[in-house]
Structures are given as structure tokens and as C-alpha cells.
Amino acid sequence: TTATYLNMGVMLVILAIIILISDVITKKILISAFERFAHKS
């Protein structure tokens, strides 16, 4: 039982980290791409 709950907690933390990192990276890539395109258009 304890191992099951701890497993879920760790997986939840890892998922949160993945979400945070992917959000930051995606924002930087998209915003940078839009800014470069806006500068040229």
C-alpha cells in the first residue's frame, strides 16, 4: 500500500516537472519564432 502511494506521488512529481519544463521550452521556442517572424514581416 505504501509503495503504491509513494509510486503515485513520485510519478506525479515527475509529471509536474515534465509539464513545467515542456511549458517553458515551448513558450521560448514559440515566442522567439513569432518575434523573428514579426520583425521580418
Full PDB file with SEQRES, HELIX, SHEET, SSBOND, CRYST1, ORIGX, SCALE, CONECT and MASTER records, all heavy atoms in Angstrom:
SEQRES   1 A   41  THR THR ALA THR TYR LEU ASN MET GLY VAL MET LEU VAL          
SEQRES   2 A   41  ILE LEU ALA ILE ILE ILE LEU ILE SER ASP VAL ILE THR          
SEQRES   3 A   41  LYS LYS ILE LEU ILE SER ALA PHE GLU ARG PHE ALA HIS          
SEQRES   4 A   41  LYS SER                                                      
HELIX    1 AA1 THR A    2  LYS A   40  1                                  39    
CRYST1    1.000    1.000    1.000  90.00  90.00  90.00 P 1           1          
ORIGX1      1.000000  0.000000  0.000000        0.00000                         
ORIGX2      0.000000  1.000000  0.000000        0.00000                         
ORIGX3      0.000000  0.000000  1.000000        0.00000                         
SCALE1      1.000000  0.000000  0.000000        0.00000                         
SCALE2      0.000000  1.000000  0.000000        0.00000                         
SCALE3      0.000000  0.000000  1.000000        0.00000                         
ATOM      1  N   THR A   1       0.839  -1.218   0.000  1.00  0.00           N  
ATOM      2  CA  THR A   1       0.000   0.000   0.000  1.00  0.00           C  
ATOM      3  C   THR A   1       0.858   1.247   0.000  1.00  0.00           C  
ATOM      4  O   THR A   1       0.648   2.192  -0.779  1.00  0.00           O  
ATOM      5  CB  THR A   1      -0.942   0.010   1.218  1.00  0.00           C  
ATOM      6  OG1 THR A   1      -1.727  -1.173   1.221  1.00  0.00           O  
ATOM      7  CG2 THR A   1      -1.826   1.234   1.195  1.00  0.00           C  
ATOM      8  N   THR A   2       1.851   1.269   0.912  1.00  0.00           N  
ATOM      9  CA  THR A   2       2.746   2.431   0.993  1.00  0.00           C  
ATOM     10  C   THR A   2       3.516   2.604  -0.309  1.00  0.00           C  
ATOM     11  O   THR A   2       3.666   3.724  -0.823  1.00  0.00           O  
ATOM     12  CB  THR A   2       3.730   2.275   2.174  1.00  0.00           C  
ATOM     13  OG1 THR A   2       3.002   2.068   3.372  1.00  0.00           O  
ATOM     14  CG2 THR A   2       4.604   3.495   2.302  1.00  0.00           C  
ATOM     15  N   ALA A   3       4.022   1.490  -0.850  1.00  0.00           N  
ATOM     16  CA  ALA A   3       4.781   1.567  -2.102  1.00  0.00           C  
ATOM     17  C   ALA A   3       3.908   2.086  -3.240  1.00  0.00           C  
ATOM     18  O   ALA A   3       4.369   2.841  -4.104  1.00  0.00           O  
ATOM     19  CB  ALA A   3       5.341   0.184  -2.458  1.00  0.00           C  
ATOM     20  N   THR A   4       2.627   1.696  -3.246  1.00  0.00           N  
ATOM     21  CA  THR A   4       1.702   2.161  -4.296  1.00  0.00           C  
ATOM     22  C   THR A   4       1.500   3.669  -4.218  1.00  0.00           C  
ATOM     23  O   THR A   4       1.552   4.373  -5.238  1.00  0.00           O  
ATOM     24  CB  THR A   4       0.348   1.444  -4.165  1.00  0.00           C  
ATOM     25  OG1 THR A   4       0.548   0.034  -4.271  1.00  0.00           O  
ATOM     26  CG2 THR A   4      -0.616   1.903  -5.251  1.00  0.00           C  
ATOM     27  N   TYR A   5       1.255   4.186  -3.019  1.00  0.00           N  
ATOM     28  CA  TYR A   5       1.043   5.634  -2.856  1.00  0.00           C  
ATOM     29  C   TYR A   5       2.320   6.421  -3.140  1.00  0.00           C  
ATOM     30  O   TYR A   5       2.287   7.492  -3.764  1.00  0.00           O  
ATOM     31  CB  TYR A   5       0.535   5.945  -1.448  1.00  0.00           C  
ATOM     32  CG  TYR A   5      -0.955   5.728  -1.294  1.00  0.00           C  
ATOM     33  CD1 TYR A   5      -1.445   4.575  -0.697  1.00  0.00           C  
ATOM     34  CD2 TYR A   5      -1.859   6.661  -1.762  1.00  0.00           C  
ATOM     35  CE1 TYR A   5      -2.806   4.356  -0.561  1.00  0.00           C  
ATOM     36  CE2 TYR A   5      -3.229   6.462  -1.631  1.00  0.00           C  
ATOM     37  CZ  TYR A   5      -3.700   5.307  -1.034  1.00  0.00           C  
ATOM     38  OH  TYR A   5      -5.058   5.096  -0.916  1.00  0.00           O  
ATOM     39  N   LEU A   6       3.461   5.898  -2.658  1.00  0.00           N  
ATOM     40  CA  LEU A   6       4.726   6.583  -2.935  1.00  0.00           C  
ATOM     41  C   LEU A   6       5.037   6.575  -4.426  1.00  0.00           C  
ATOM     42  O   LEU A   6       5.544   7.559  -4.973  1.00  0.00           O  
ATOM     43  CB  LEU A   6       5.858   5.894  -2.155  1.00  0.00           C  
ATOM     44  CG  LEU A   6       5.881   6.126  -0.641  1.00  0.00           C  
ATOM     45  CD1 LEU A   6       6.972   5.284   0.017  1.00  0.00           C  
ATOM     46  CD2 LEU A   6       6.086   7.607  -0.324  1.00  0.00           C  
ATOM     47  N   ASN A   7       4.734   5.490  -5.091  1.00  0.00           N  
ATOM     48  CA  ASN A   7       4.942   5.399  -6.541  1.00  0.00           C  
ATOM     49  C   ASN A   7       4.111   6.461  -7.272  1.00  0.00           C  
ATOM     50  O   ASN A   7       4.601   7.153  -8.170  1.00  0.00           O  
ATOM     51  CB  ASN A   7       4.569   4.001  -7.038  1.00  0.00           C  
ATOM     52  CG  ASN A   7       4.752   3.866  -8.541  1.00  0.00           C  
ATOM     53  OD1 ASN A   7       5.869   3.808  -9.025  1.00  0.00           O  
ATOM     54  ND2 ASN A   7       3.649   3.805  -9.263  1.00  0.00           N  
ATOM     55  N   MET A   8       2.833   6.579  -6.874  1.00  0.00           N  
ATOM     56  CA  MET A   8       1.975   7.596  -7.495  1.00  0.00           C  
ATOM     57  C   MET A   8       2.501   8.998  -7.221  1.00  0.00           C  
ATOM     58  O   MET A   8       2.526   9.862  -8.103  1.00  0.00           O  
ATOM     59  CB  MET A   8       0.545   7.479  -6.969  1.00  0.00           C  
ATOM     60  CG  MET A   8      -0.426   8.444  -7.636  1.00  0.00           C  
ATOM     61  SD  MET A   8      -2.013   8.579  -6.800  1.00  0.00           S  
ATOM     62  CE  MET A   8      -1.544   9.418  -5.291  1.00  0.00           C  
ATOM     63  N   GLY A   9       2.958   9.273  -5.978  1.00  0.00           N  
ATOM     64  CA  GLY A   9       3.460  10.589  -5.624  1.00  0.00           C  
ATOM     65  C   GLY A   9       4.682  10.959  -6.431  1.00  0.00           C  
ATOM     66  O   GLY A   9       4.794  12.092  -6.942  1.00  0.00           O  
ATOM     67  N   VAL A  10       5.621  10.003  -6.556  1.00  0.00           N  
ATOM     68  CA  VAL A  10       6.848  10.278  -7.323  1.00  0.00           C  
ATOM     69  C   VAL A  10       6.505  10.501  -8.792  1.00  0.00           C  
ATOM     70  O   VAL A  10       7.026  11.427  -9.428  1.00  0.00           O  
ATOM     71  CB  VAL A  10       7.853   9.107  -7.164  1.00  0.00           C  
ATOM     72  CG1 VAL A  10       9.042   9.302  -8.110  1.00  0.00           C  
ATOM     73  CG2 VAL A  10       8.331   9.002  -5.734  1.00  0.00           C  
ATOM     74  N   MET A  11       5.632   9.661  -9.357  1.00  0.00           N  
ATOM     75  CA  MET A  11       5.233   9.813 -10.752  1.00  0.00           C  
ATOM     76  C   MET A  11       4.524  11.152 -10.982  1.00  0.00           C  
ATOM     77  O   MET A  11       4.690  11.809 -12.016  1.00  0.00           O  
ATOM     78  CB  MET A  11       4.311   8.656 -11.157  1.00  0.00           C  
ATOM     79  CG  MET A  11       4.990   7.296 -11.159  1.00  0.00           C  
ATOM     80  SD  MET A  11       6.257   7.146 -12.423  1.00  0.00           S  
ATOM     81  CE  MET A  11       5.257   7.087 -13.888  1.00  0.00           C  
ATOM     82  N   LEU A  12       3.767  11.561  -9.981  1.00  0.00           N  
ATOM     83  CA  LEU A  12       3.056  12.853 -10.082  1.00  0.00           C  
ATOM     84  C   LEU A  12       4.047  14.004 -10.087  1.00  0.00           C  
ATOM     85  O   LEU A  12       3.897  14.970 -10.855  1.00  0.00           O  
ATOM     86  CB  LEU A  12       2.079  12.988  -8.915  1.00  0.00           C  
ATOM     87  CG  LEU A  12       0.958  14.026  -9.057  1.00  0.00           C  
ATOM     88  CD1 LEU A  12       0.097  13.721 -10.277  1.00  0.00           C  
ATOM     89  CD2 LEU A  12       0.092  14.054  -7.805  1.00  0.00           C  
ATOM     90  N   VAL A  13       5.080  13.923  -9.243  1.00  0.00           N  
ATOM     91  CA  VAL A  13       6.114  14.962  -9.212  1.00  0.00           C  
ATOM     92  C   VAL A  13       6.861  14.998 -10.537  1.00  0.00           C  
ATOM     93  O   VAL A  13       7.142  16.077 -11.085  1.00  0.00           O  
ATOM     94  CB  VAL A  13       7.085  14.712  -8.038  1.00  0.00           C  
ATOM     95  CG1 VAL A  13       8.289  15.650  -8.134  1.00  0.00           C  
ATOM     96  CG2 VAL A  13       6.380  14.891  -6.708  1.00  0.00           C  
ATOM     97  N   ILE A  14       7.203  13.819 -11.053  1.00  0.00           N  
ATOM     98  CA  ILE A  14       7.918  13.765 -12.337  1.00  0.00           C  
ATOM     99  C   ILE A  14       7.064  14.353 -13.456  1.00  0.00           C  
ATOM    100  O   ILE A  14       7.553  15.107 -14.305  1.00  0.00           O  
ATOM    101  CB  ILE A  14       8.297  12.296 -12.666  1.00  0.00           C  
ATOM    102  CG1 ILE A  14       9.353  11.798 -11.675  1.00  0.00           C  
ATOM    103  CG2 ILE A  14       8.824  12.183 -14.091  1.00  0.00           C  
ATOM    104  CD1 ILE A  14       9.681  10.324 -11.813  1.00  0.00           C  
ATOM    105  N   LEU A  15       5.748  14.022 -13.449  1.00  0.00           N  
ATOM    106  CA  LEU A  15       4.844  14.575 -14.464  1.00  0.00           C  
ATOM    107  C   LEU A  15       4.780  16.096 -14.361  1.00  0.00           C  
ATOM    108  O   LEU A  15       4.787  16.801 -15.381  1.00  0.00           O  
ATOM    109  CB  LEU A  15       3.451  13.969 -14.300  1.00  0.00           C  
ATOM    110  CG  LEU A  15       2.377  14.480 -15.274  1.00  0.00           C  
ATOM    111  CD1 LEU A  15       2.770  14.205 -16.716  1.00  0.00           C  
ATOM    112  CD2 LEU A  15       1.011  13.857 -14.955  1.00  0.00           C  
ATOM    113  N   ALA A  16       4.730  16.608 -13.127  1.00  0.00           N  
ATOM    114  CA  ALA A  16       4.687  18.055 -12.932  1.00  0.00           C  
ATOM    115  C   ALA A  16       5.960  18.719 -13.464  1.00  0.00           C  
ATOM    116  O   ALA A  16       5.910  19.786 -14.089  1.00  0.00           O  
ATOM    117  CB  ALA A  16       4.496  18.374 -11.451  1.00  0.00           C  
ATOM    118  N   ILE A  17       7.110  18.078 -13.224  1.00  0.00           N  
ATOM    119  CA  ILE A  17       8.380  18.616 -13.721  1.00  0.00           C  
ATOM    120  C   ILE A  17       8.402  18.612 -15.252  1.00  0.00           C  
ATOM    121  O   ILE A  17       8.824  19.584 -15.892  1.00  0.00           O  
ATOM    122  CB  ILE A  17       9.562  17.810 -13.145  1.00  0.00           C  
ATOM    123  CG1 ILE A  17       9.656  18.027 -11.633  1.00  0.00           C  
ATOM    124  CG2 ILE A  17      10.864  18.224 -13.820  1.00  0.00           C  
ATOM    125  CD1 ILE A  17      10.669  17.132 -10.943  1.00  0.00           C  
ATOM    126  N   ILE A  18       7.931  17.494 -15.832  1.00  0.00           N  
ATOM    127  CA  ILE A  18       7.882  17.411 -17.296  1.00  0.00           C  
ATOM    128  C   ILE A  18       6.973  18.492 -17.876  1.00  0.00           C  
ATOM    129  O   ILE A  18       7.299  19.146 -18.878  1.00  0.00           O  
ATOM    130  CB  ILE A  18       7.398  16.001 -17.730  1.00  0.00           C  
ATOM    131  CG1 ILE A  18       8.435  14.948 -17.356  1.00  0.00           C  
ATOM    132  CG2 ILE A  18       7.120  15.974 -19.232  1.00  0.00           C  
ATOM    133  CD1 ILE A  18       7.967  13.528 -17.600  1.00  0.00           C  
ATOM    134  N   ILE A  19       5.833  18.701 -17.240  1.00  0.00           N  
ATOM    135  CA  ILE A  19       4.885  19.733 -17.703  1.00  0.00           C  
ATOM    136  C   ILE A  19       5.524  21.112 -17.628  1.00  0.00           C  
ATOM    137  O   ILE A  19       5.437  21.917 -18.579  1.00  0.00           O  
ATOM    138  CB  ILE A  19       3.590  19.682 -16.862  1.00  0.00           C  
ATOM    139  CG1 ILE A  19       2.817  18.400 -17.146  1.00  0.00           C  
ATOM    140  CG2 ILE A  19       2.720  20.904 -17.142  1.00  0.00           C  
ATOM    141  CD1 ILE A  19       1.649  18.177 -16.214  1.00  0.00           C  
ATOM    142  N   LEU A  20       6.179  21.391 -16.504  1.00  0.00           N  
ATOM    143  CA  LEU A  20       6.801  22.699 -16.315  1.00  0.00           C  
ATOM    144  C   LEU A  20       7.907  22.939 -17.336  1.00  0.00           C  
ATOM    145  O   LEU A  20       7.967  24.008 -17.961  1.00  0.00           O  
ATOM    146  CB  LEU A  20       7.355  22.802 -14.891  1.00  0.00           C  
ATOM    147  CG  LEU A  20       8.025  24.129 -14.512  1.00  0.00           C  
ATOM    148  CD1 LEU A  20       7.019  25.277 -14.620  1.00  0.00           C  
ATOM    149  CD2 LEU A  20       8.606  24.061 -13.115  1.00  0.00           C  
ATOM    150  N   ILE A  21       8.778  21.952 -17.515  1.00  0.00           N  
ATOM    151  CA  ILE A  21       9.891  22.106 -18.457  1.00  0.00           C  
ATOM    152  C   ILE A  21       9.372  22.254 -19.893  1.00  0.00           C  
ATOM    153  O   ILE A  21       9.820  23.117 -20.652  1.00  0.00           O  
ATOM    154  CB  ILE A  21      10.848  20.904 -18.351  1.00  0.00           C  
ATOM    155  CG1 ILE A  21      11.555  20.904 -16.992  1.00  0.00           C  
ATOM    156  CG2 ILE A  21      11.881  20.935 -19.480  1.00  0.00           C  
ATOM    157  CD1 ILE A  21      12.394  19.674 -16.734  1.00  0.00           C  
ATOM    158  N   SER A  22       8.408  21.413 -20.258  1.00  0.00           N  
ATOM    159  CA  SER A  22       7.861  21.487 -21.625  1.00  0.00           C  
ATOM    160  C   SER A  22       7.167  22.821 -21.873  1.00  0.00           C  
ATOM    161  O   SER A  22       7.246  23.372 -22.978  1.00  0.00           O  
ATOM    162  CB  SER A  22       6.887  20.333 -21.860  1.00  0.00           C  
ATOM    163  OG  SER A  22       5.771  20.423 -20.985  1.00  0.00           O  
ATOM    164  N   ASP A  23       6.500  23.334 -20.836  1.00  0.00           N  
ATOM    165  CA  ASP A  23       5.814  24.624 -20.979  1.00  0.00           C  
ATOM    166  C   ASP A  23       6.822  25.751 -21.197  1.00  0.00           C  
ATOM    167  O   ASP A  23       6.643  26.592 -22.090  1.00  0.00           O  
ATOM    168  CB  ASP A  23       4.973  24.899 -19.737  1.00  0.00           C  
ATOM    169  CG  ASP A  23       4.110  26.146 -19.882  1.00  0.00           C  
ATOM    170  OD1 ASP A  23       3.276  26.180 -20.796  1.00  0.00           O  
ATOM    171  OD2 ASP A  23       4.288  27.091 -19.084  1.00  0.00           O  
ATOM    172  N   VAL A  24       7.897  25.762 -20.411  1.00  0.00           N  
ATOM    173  CA  VAL A  24       8.918  26.811 -20.530  1.00  0.00           C  
ATOM    174  C   VAL A  24       9.605  26.741 -21.886  1.00  0.00           C  
ATOM    175  O   VAL A  24       9.777  27.756 -22.582  1.00  0.00           O  
ATOM    176  CB  VAL A  24       9.950  26.682 -19.388  1.00  0.00           C  
ATOM    177  CG1 VAL A  24      11.123  27.648 -19.632  1.00  0.00           C  
ATOM    178  CG2 VAL A  24       9.298  26.969 -18.046  1.00  0.00           C  
ATOM    179  N   ILE A  25      10.005  25.529 -22.297  1.00  0.00           N  
ATOM    180  CA  ILE A  25      10.710  25.361 -23.574  1.00  0.00           C  
ATOM    181  C   ILE A  25       9.812  25.746 -24.751  1.00  0.00           C  
ATOM    182  O   ILE A  25      10.230  26.457 -25.667  1.00  0.00           O  
ATOM    183  CB  ILE A  25      11.211  23.903 -23.728  1.00  0.00           C  
ATOM    184  CG1 ILE A  25      12.298  23.611 -22.685  1.00  0.00           C  
ATOM    185  CG2 ILE A  25      11.753  23.675 -25.139  1.00  0.00           C  
ATOM    186  CD1 ILE A  25      12.744  22.169 -22.662  1.00  0.00           C  
ATOM    187  N   THR A  26       8.574  25.267 -24.713  1.00  0.00           N  
ATOM    188  CA  THR A  26       7.639  25.568 -25.811  1.00  0.00           C  
ATOM    189  C   THR A  26       7.373  27.069 -25.915  1.00  0.00           C  
ATOM    190  O   THR A  26       7.315  27.624 -27.020  1.00  0.00           O  
ATOM    191  CB  THR A  26       6.305  24.820 -25.609  1.00  0.00           C  
ATOM    192  OG1 THR A  26       6.559  23.447 -25.379  1.00  0.00           O  
ATOM    193  CG2 THR A  26       5.420  24.974 -26.828  1.00  0.00           C  
ATOM    194  N   LYS A  27       7.202  27.733 -24.759  1.00  0.00           N  
ATOM    195  CA  LYS A  27       6.964  29.180 -24.779  1.00  0.00           C  
ATOM    196  C   LYS A  27       8.141  29.924 -25.390  1.00  0.00           C  
ATOM    197  O   LYS A  27       7.972  30.820 -26.208  1.00  0.00           O  
ATOM    198  CB  LYS A  27       6.684  29.691 -23.357  1.00  0.00           C  
ATOM    199  CG  LYS A  27       5.227  29.550 -22.935  1.00  0.00           C  
ATOM    200  CD  LYS A  27       4.886  30.367 -21.717  1.00  0.00           C  
ATOM    201  CE  LYS A  27       5.563  29.820 -20.480  1.00  0.00           C  
ATOM    202  NZ  LYS A  27       5.087  30.477 -19.249  1.00  0.00           N  
ATOM    203  N   LYS A  28       9.352  29.542 -24.984  1.00  0.00           N  
ATOM    204  CA  LYS A  28      10.535  30.219 -25.517  1.00  0.00           C  
ATOM    205  C   LYS A  28      10.654  30.023 -27.022  1.00  0.00           C  
ATOM    206  O   LYS A  28      10.952  30.958 -27.766  1.00  0.00           O  
ATOM    207  CB  LYS A  28      11.787  29.698 -24.810  1.00  0.00           C  
ATOM    208  CG  LYS A  28      11.971  30.240 -23.403  1.00  0.00           C  
ATOM    209  CD  LYS A  28      13.301  29.814 -22.811  1.00  0.00           C  
ATOM    210  CE  LYS A  28      13.500  30.442 -21.426  1.00  0.00           C  
ATOM    211  NZ  LYS A  28      14.800  30.051 -20.831  1.00  0.00           N  
ATOM    212  N   ILE A  29      10.422  28.778 -27.474  1.00  0.00           N  
ATOM    213  CA  ILE A  29      10.537  28.491 -28.910  1.00  0.00           C  
ATOM    214  C   ILE A  29       9.485  29.248 -29.712  1.00  0.00           C  
ATOM    215  O   ILE A  29       9.787  29.902 -30.713  1.00  0.00           O  
ATOM    216  CB  ILE A  29      10.405  26.967 -29.158  1.00  0.00           C  
ATOM    217  CG1 ILE A  29      11.607  26.237 -28.565  1.00  0.00           C  
ATOM    218  CG2 ILE A  29      10.288  26.679 -30.656  1.00  0.00           C  
ATOM    219  CD1 ILE A  29      11.479  24.726 -28.615  1.00  0.00           C  
ATOM    220  N   LEU A  30       8.215  29.187 -29.262  1.00  0.00           N  
ATOM    221  CA  LEU A  30       7.124  29.845 -29.997  1.00  0.00           C  
ATOM    222  C   LEU A  30       7.262  31.362 -29.993  1.00  0.00           C  
ATOM    223  O   LEU A  30       7.132  32.004 -31.039  1.00  0.00           O  
ATOM    224  CB  LEU A  30       5.774  29.438 -29.401  1.00  0.00           C  
ATOM    225  CG  LEU A  30       5.164  28.131 -29.898  1.00  0.00           C  
ATOM    226  CD1 LEU A  30       3.866  27.837 -29.174  1.00  0.00           C  
ATOM    227  CD2 LEU A  30       4.931  28.173 -31.399  1.00  0.00           C  
ATOM    228  N   ILE A  31       7.519  31.931 -28.809  1.00  0.00           N  
ATOM    229  CA  ILE A  31       7.633  33.389 -28.714  1.00  0.00           C  
ATOM    230  C   ILE A  31       8.805  33.889 -29.540  1.00  0.00           C  
ATOM    231  O   ILE A  31       8.712  34.900 -30.253  1.00  0.00           O  
ATOM    232  CB  ILE A  31       7.759  33.825 -27.241  1.00  0.00           C  
ATOM    233  CG1 ILE A  31       6.454  33.545 -26.491  1.00  0.00           C  
ATOM    234  CG2 ILE A  31       8.110  35.312 -27.143  1.00  0.00           C  
ATOM    235  CD1 ILE A  31       6.524  33.802 -25.007  1.00  0.00           C  
ATOM    236  N   SER A  32       9.945  33.173 -29.468  1.00  0.00           N  
ATOM    237  CA  SER A  32      11.121  33.558 -30.250  1.00  0.00           C  
ATOM    238  C   SER A  32      10.833  33.481 -31.742  1.00  0.00           C  
ATOM    239  O   SER A  32      11.202  34.373 -32.516  1.00  0.00           O  
ATOM    240  CB  SER A  32      12.297  32.660 -29.884  1.00  0.00           C  
ATOM    241  OG  SER A  32      13.418  32.971 -30.662  1.00  0.00           O  
ATOM    242  N   ALA A  33      10.149  32.406 -32.164  1.00  0.00           N  
ATOM    243  CA  ALA A  33       9.815  32.246 -33.592  1.00  0.00           C  
ATOM    244  C   ALA A  33       8.865  33.343 -34.055  1.00  0.00           C  
ATOM    245  O   ALA A  33       9.042  33.915 -35.138  1.00  0.00           O  
ATOM    246  CB  ALA A  33       9.194  30.867 -33.817  1.00  0.00           C  
ATOM    247  N   PHE A  34       7.868  33.656 -33.245  1.00  0.00           N  
ATOM    248  CA  PHE A  34       6.911  34.715 -33.600  1.00  0.00           C  
ATOM    249  C   PHE A  34       7.603  36.075 -33.666  1.00  0.00           C  
ATOM    250  O   PHE A  34       7.308  36.881 -34.553  1.00  0.00           O  
ATOM    251  CB  PHE A  34       5.762  34.753 -32.585  1.00  0.00           C  
ATOM    252  CG  PHE A  34       4.579  33.928 -32.984  1.00  0.00           C  
ATOM    253  CD1 PHE A  34       4.522  32.570 -32.695  1.00  0.00           C  
ATOM    254  CD2 PHE A  34       3.524  34.495 -33.669  1.00  0.00           C  
ATOM    255  CE1 PHE A  34       3.442  31.801 -33.061  1.00  0.00           C  
ATOM    256  CE2 PHE A  34       2.424  33.741 -34.037  1.00  0.00           C  
ATOM    257  CZ  PHE A  34       2.380  32.375 -33.739  1.00  0.00           C  
ATOM    258  N   GLU A  35       8.503  36.339 -32.721  1.00  0.00           N  
ATOM    259  CA  GLU A  35       9.203  37.624 -32.712  1.00  0.00           C  
ATOM    260  C   GLU A  35      10.097  37.787 -33.929  1.00  0.00           C  
ATOM    261  O   GLU A  35      10.174  38.871 -34.515  1.00  0.00           O  
ATOM    262  CB  GLU A  35      10.008  37.771 -31.422  1.00  0.00           C  
ATOM    263  CG  GLU A  35       9.139  38.034 -30.186  1.00  0.00           C  
ATOM    264  CD  GLU A  35       9.958  38.120 -28.909  1.00  0.00           C  
ATOM    265  OE1 GLU A  35      11.152  37.726 -28.944  1.00  0.00           O  
ATOM    266  OE2 GLU A  35       9.402  38.568 -27.883  1.00  0.00           O  
ATOM    267  N   ARG A  36      10.781  36.704 -34.333  1.00  0.00           N  
ATOM    268  CA  ARG A  36      11.620  36.784 -35.531  1.00  0.00           C  
ATOM    269  C   ARG A  36      10.774  37.008 -36.776  1.00  0.00           C  
ATOM    270  O   ARG A  36      11.121  37.809 -37.647  1.00  0.00           O  
ATOM    271  CB  ARG A  36      12.434  35.487 -35.682  1.00  0.00           C  
ATOM    272  CG  ARG A  36      13.596  35.368 -34.705  1.00  0.00           C  
ATOM    273  CD  ARG A  36      14.597  34.323 -35.176  1.00  0.00           C  
ATOM    274  NE  ARG A  36      13.970  33.017 -35.334  1.00  0.00           N  
ATOM    275  CZ  ARG A  36      13.905  32.105 -34.371  1.00  0.00           C  
ATOM    276  NH1 ARG A  36      14.416  32.367 -33.169  1.00  0.00           N  
ATOM    277  NH2 ARG A  36      13.323  30.932 -34.590  1.00  0.00           N  
ATOM    278  N   PHE A  37       9.655  36.299 -36.830  1.00  0.00           N  
ATOM    279  CA  PHE A  37       8.768  36.459 -37.984  1.00  0.00           C  
ATOM    280  C   PHE A  37       8.167  37.868 -38.020  1.00  0.00           C  
ATOM    281  O   PHE A  37       8.048  38.481 -39.079  1.00  0.00           O  
ATOM    282  CB  PHE A  37       7.663  35.409 -37.931  1.00  0.00           C  
ATOM    283  CG  PHE A  37       6.728  35.450 -39.096  1.00  0.00           C  
ATOM    284  CD1 PHE A  37       7.091  34.927 -40.327  1.00  0.00           C  
ATOM    285  CD2 PHE A  37       5.467  36.031 -38.973  1.00  0.00           C  
ATOM    286  CE1 PHE A  37       6.234  34.977 -41.410  1.00  0.00           C  
ATOM    287  CE2 PHE A  37       4.599  36.080 -40.051  1.00  0.00           C  
ATOM    288  CZ  PHE A  37       4.984  35.544 -41.277  1.00  0.00           C  
ATOM    289  N   ALA A  38       7.773  38.377 -36.844  1.00  0.00           N  
ATOM    290  CA  ALA A  38       7.178  39.718 -36.768  1.00  0.00           C  
ATOM    291  C   ALA A  38       8.186  40.785 -37.167  1.00  0.00           C  
ATOM    292  O   ALA A  38       7.825  41.811 -37.776  1.00  0.00           O  
ATOM    293  CB  ALA A  38       6.674  39.976 -35.349  1.00  0.00           C  
ATOM    294  N   HIS A  39       9.444  40.565 -36.828  1.00  0.00           N  
ATOM    295  CA  HIS A  39      10.491  41.541 -37.172  1.00  0.00           C  
ATOM    296  C   HIS A  39      10.698  41.626 -38.681  1.00  0.00           C  
ATOM    297  O   HIS A  39      10.999  42.700 -39.214  1.00  0.00           O  
ATOM    298  CB  HIS A  39      11.801  41.151 -36.485  1.00  0.00           C  
ATOM    299  CG  HIS A  39      12.909  42.120 -36.721  1.00  0.00           C  
ATOM    300  ND1 HIS A  39      12.920  43.401 -36.186  1.00  0.00           N  
ATOM    301  CD2 HIS A  39      14.051  41.998 -37.469  1.00  0.00           C  
ATOM    302  CE1 HIS A  39      14.010  44.028 -36.583  1.00  0.00           C  
ATOM    303  NE2 HIS A  39      14.720  43.199 -37.363  1.00  0.00           N  
ATOM    304  N   LYS A  40      10.508  40.486 -39.367  1.00  0.00           N  
ATOM    305  CA  LYS A  40      10.739  40.463 -40.810  1.00  0.00           C  
ATOM    306  C   LYS A  40       9.507  40.873 -41.610  1.00  0.00           C  
ATOM    307  O   LYS A  40       9.626  41.384 -42.715  1.00  0.00           O  
ATOM    308  CB  LYS A  40      11.170  39.053 -41.230  1.00  0.00           C  
ATOM    309  CG  LYS A  40      12.537  38.628 -40.677  1.00  0.00           C  
ATOM    310  CD  LYS A  40      12.874  37.214 -41.110  1.00  0.00           C  
ATOM    311  CE  LYS A  40      14.224  36.778 -40.543  1.00  0.00           C  
ATOM    312  NZ  LYS A  40      14.568  35.380 -40.926  1.00  0.00           N  
ATOM    313  N   SER A  41       8.333  40.615 -41.078  1.00  0.00           N  
ATOM    314  CA  SER A  41       7.101  40.895 -41.830  1.00  0.00           C  
ATOM    315  C   SER A  41       6.764  42.380 -41.818  1.00  0.00           C  
ATOM    316  O   SER A  41       7.168  43.125 -40.936  1.00  0.00           O  
ATOM    317  CB  SER A  41       5.933  40.094 -41.255  1.00  0.00           C  
ATOM    318  OG  SER A  41       5.610  40.565 -39.968  1.00  0.00           O  
TER     319      SER A  41                                                      
MASTER        0    0    0    1    0    0    0    6  318    1    0    4          
END                                                                             
